[in-house]
């Protein structure tokens, strides 16, 4: 399950870099859904963070912020301060209009 999540996360970000936003978003959302039934908080938060990066590239700011909010909650629940800090940096970039 985790391997499938990671494969989709990496492929999603690579596709977005190539301008294939629709397919990138689809894979990023699949990664998030694969993680939902697990208790792996960090993996779930990472998939949401990556979804936010993809959504930001697709100019879907509000959806990206929603994904970051959920990732932040999971990182905090896990006690993962580095992940939480990274989410704050991404959020600040979105607020400043720099994207992800």
C-alpha atoms as a PDB file:
ATOM      1  CA  UNK A   1       0.000   0.000   0.000  1.00  0.00           C
ATOM      2  CA  UNK A   2       2.704   2.483   0.992  1.00  0.00           C
ATOM      3  CA  UNK A   3       4.745   1.662  -2.099  1.00  0.00           C
ATOM      4  CA  UNK A   4       1.733   2.294  -4.311  1.00  0.00           C
ATOM      5  CA  UNK A   5       1.150   5.628  -2.574  1.00  0.00           C
ATOM      6  CA  UNK A   6       4.756   6.698  -3.062  1.00  0.00           C
ATOM      7  CA  UNK A   7       4.806   5.661  -6.715  1.00  0.00           C
ATOM      8  CA  UNK A   8       1.723   7.775  -7.384  1.00  0.00           C
ATOM      9  CA  UNK A   9       3.084  10.744  -5.436  1.00  0.00           C
ATOM     10  CA  UNK A  10       6.361  10.778  -7.347  1.00  0.00           C
ATOM     11  CA  UNK A  11       4.722  10.223 -10.727  1.00  0.00           C
ATOM     12  CA  UNK A  12       2.162  12.953 -10.005  1.00  0.00           C
ATOM     13  CA  UNK A  13       4.866  15.528  -9.311  1.00  0.00           C
ATOM     14  CA  UNK A  14       6.863  14.459 -12.378  1.00  0.00           C
ATOM     15  CA  UNK A  15       3.794  14.745 -14.599  1.00  0.00           C
ATOM     16  CA  UNK A  16       3.045  18.214 -13.272  1.00  0.00           C
ATOM     17  CA  UNK A  17       6.590  19.305 -14.093  1.00  0.00           C
ATOM     18  CA  UNK A  18       5.946  18.140 -17.657  1.00  0.00           C
ATOM     19  CA  UNK A  19       2.711  20.116 -17.767  1.00  0.00           C
ATOM     20  CA  UNK A  20       0.415  17.095 -17.518  1.00  0.00           C
ATOM     21  CA  UNK A  21      -1.705  18.620 -14.761  1.00  0.00           C
ATOM     22  CA  UNK A  22      -4.857  16.519 -15.105  1.00  0.00           C
ATOM     23  CA  UNK A  23      -3.052  13.187 -14.949  1.00  0.00           C
ATOM     24  CA  UNK A  24      -0.779  14.467 -12.169  1.00  0.00           C
ATOM     25  CA  UNK A  25      -3.755  15.514 -10.097  1.00  0.00           C
ATOM     26  CA  UNK A  26      -5.474  12.164 -10.673  1.00  0.00           C
ATOM     27  CA  UNK A  27      -2.450  10.250  -9.409  1.00  0.00           C
ATOM     28  CA  UNK A  28      -1.966  12.544  -6.424  1.00  0.00           C
ATOM     29  CA  UNK A  29      -5.605  12.058  -5.423  1.00  0.00           C
ATOM     30  CA  UNK A  30      -5.235   8.287  -5.809  1.00  0.00           C
ATOM     31  CA  UNK A  31      -2.257   8.361  -3.454  1.00  0.00           C
ATOM     32  CA  UNK A  32      -4.304  10.219  -0.842  1.00  0.00           C
ATOM     33  CA  UNK A  33      -7.177   7.748  -1.155  1.00  0.00           C
ATOM     34  CA  UNK A  34      -4.841   4.760  -0.836  1.00  0.00           C
ATOM     35  CA  UNK A  35      -3.598   6.163   2.458  1.00  0.00           C
ATOM     36  CA  UNK A  36      -6.955   7.009   4.011  1.00  0.00           C
ATOM     37  CA  UNK A  37      -7.673   3.568   5.530  1.00  0.00           C
ATOM     38  CA  UNK A  38      -4.187   3.248   7.058  1.00  0.00           C
ATOM     39  CA  UNK A  39      -2.986   4.479  10.419  1.00  0.00           C
ATOM     40  CA  UNK A  40       0.280   5.784   8.929  1.00  0.00           C
ATOM     41  CA  UNK A  41      -0.118   9.456   9.819  1.00  0.00           C
ATOM     42  CA  UNK A  42       3.142  10.629   8.280  1.00  0.00           C
ATOM     43  CA  UNK A  43       2.525   8.830   4.976  1.00  0.00           C
ATOM     44  CA  UNK A  44      -1.004  10.235   4.797  1.00  0.00           C
ATOM     45  CA  UNK A  45       0.265  13.737   5.576  1.00  0.00           C
ATOM     46  CA  UNK A  46       2.988  13.419   2.938  1.00  0.00           C
ATOM     47  CA  UNK A  47       0.450  12.395   0.297  1.00  0.00           C
ATOM     48  CA  UNK A  48      -1.739  15.385   1.174  1.00  0.00           C
ATOM     49  CA  UNK A  49       1.277  17.700   1.046  1.00  0.00           C
ATOM     50  CA  UNK A  50       2.161  16.381  -2.401  1.00  0.00           C
ATOM     51  CA  UNK A  51      -1.458  16.750  -3.521  1.00  0.00           C
ATOM     52  CA  UNK A  52      -1.269  20.390  -2.424  1.00  0.00           C
ATOM     53  CA  UNK A  53       1.871  20.897  -4.519  1.00  0.00           C
ATOM     54  CA  UNK A  54       0.103  19.416  -7.548  1.00  0.00           C
ATOM     55  CA  UNK A  55      -3.062  21.461  -6.966  1.00  0.00           C
ATOM     56  CA  UNK A  56      -1.005  24.613  -6.576  1.00  0.00           C
ATOM     57  CA  UNK A  57       0.668  23.983  -9.929  1.00  0.00           C
ATOM     58  CA  UNK A  58      -2.805  23.532 -11.424  1.00  0.00           C
ATOM     59  CA  UNK A  59      -3.798  26.943 -10.006  1.00  0.00           C
ATOM     60  CA  UNK A  60      -6.276  25.359  -7.577  1.00  0.00           C
ATOM     61  CA  UNK A  61      -5.221  27.452  -4.601  1.00  0.00           C
ATOM     62  CA  UNK A  62      -8.207  26.826  -2.311  1.00  0.00           C
ATOM     63  CA  UNK A  63      -8.074  23.063  -2.813  1.00  0.00           C
ATOM     64  CA  UNK A  64      -4.321  23.163  -2.198  1.00  0.00           C
ATOM     65  CA  UNK A  65      -4.873  25.056   1.054  1.00  0.00           C
ATOM     66  CA  UNK A  66      -7.486  22.491   2.140  1.00  0.00           C
ATOM     67  CA  UNK A  67      -5.016  19.664   1.505  1.00  0.00           C
ATOM     68  CA  UNK A  68      -2.339  21.541   3.462  1.00  0.00           C
ATOM     69  CA  UNK A  69      -4.730  22.027   6.379  1.00  0.00           C
ATOM     70  CA  UNK A  70      -5.384  18.296   6.543  1.00  0.00           C
ATOM     71  CA  UNK A  71      -1.670  17.497   6.188  1.00  0.00           C
ATOM     72  CA  UNK A  72      -0.861  19.962   8.970  1.00  0.00           C
ATOM     73  CA  UNK A  73      -3.388  18.314  11.293  1.00  0.00           C
ATOM     74  CA  UNK A  74      -1.870  14.884  10.644  1.00  0.00           C
ATOM     75  CA  UNK A  75       1.713  16.095  11.085  1.00  0.00           C
ATOM     76  CA  UNK A  76       0.752  17.726  14.384  1.00  0.00           C
ATOM     77  CA  UNK A  77      -1.051  14.590  15.549  1.00  0.00           C
ATOM     78  CA  UNK A  78       2.094  12.602  14.745  1.00  0.00           C
ATOM     79  CA  UNK A  79       4.344  15.194  16.421  1.00  0.00           C
ATOM     80  CA  UNK A  80       6.243  15.642  13.149  1.00  0.00           C
ATOM     81  CA  UNK A  81       7.497  19.210  13.555  1.00  0.00           C
ATOM     82  CA  UNK A  82       9.585  19.250  10.371  1.00  0.00           C
ATOM     83  CA  UNK A  83       6.587  18.202   8.273  1.00  0.00           C
ATOM     84  CA  UNK A  84       4.418  20.798   9.991  1.00  0.00           C
ATOM     85  CA  UNK A  85       7.024  23.494   9.322  1.00  0.00           C
ATOM     86  CA  UNK A  86       7.255  22.529   5.651  1.00  0.00           C
ATOM     87  CA  UNK A  87       3.470  22.789   5.345  1.00  0.00           C
ATOM     88  CA  UNK A  88       3.626  26.291   6.818  1.00  0.00           C
ATOM     89  CA  UNK A  89       6.252  27.245   4.236  1.00  0.00           C
ATOM     90  CA  UNK A  90       4.069  25.913   1.417  1.00  0.00           C
ATOM     91  CA  UNK A  91       1.063  27.772   2.822  1.00  0.00           C
ATOM     92  CA  UNK A  92       3.086  31.002   2.976  1.00  0.00           C
ATOM     93  CA  UNK A  93       4.144  30.495  -0.649  1.00  0.00           C
ATOM     94  CA  UNK A  94       0.526  30.077  -1.708  1.00  0.00           C
ATOM     95  CA  UNK A  95      -0.495  33.152   0.242  1.00  0.00           C
ATOM     96  CA  UNK A  96       2.261  35.139  -1.452  1.00  0.00           C
ATOM     97  CA  UNK A  97       1.136  33.868  -4.864  1.00  0.00           C
ATOM     98  CA  UNK A  98       4.287  31.815  -5.474  1.00  0.00           C
ATOM     99  CA  UNK A  99       2.515  28.483  -5.763  1.00  0.00           C
ATOM    100  CA  UNK A 100       4.042  25.250  -4.481  1.00  0.00           C
END
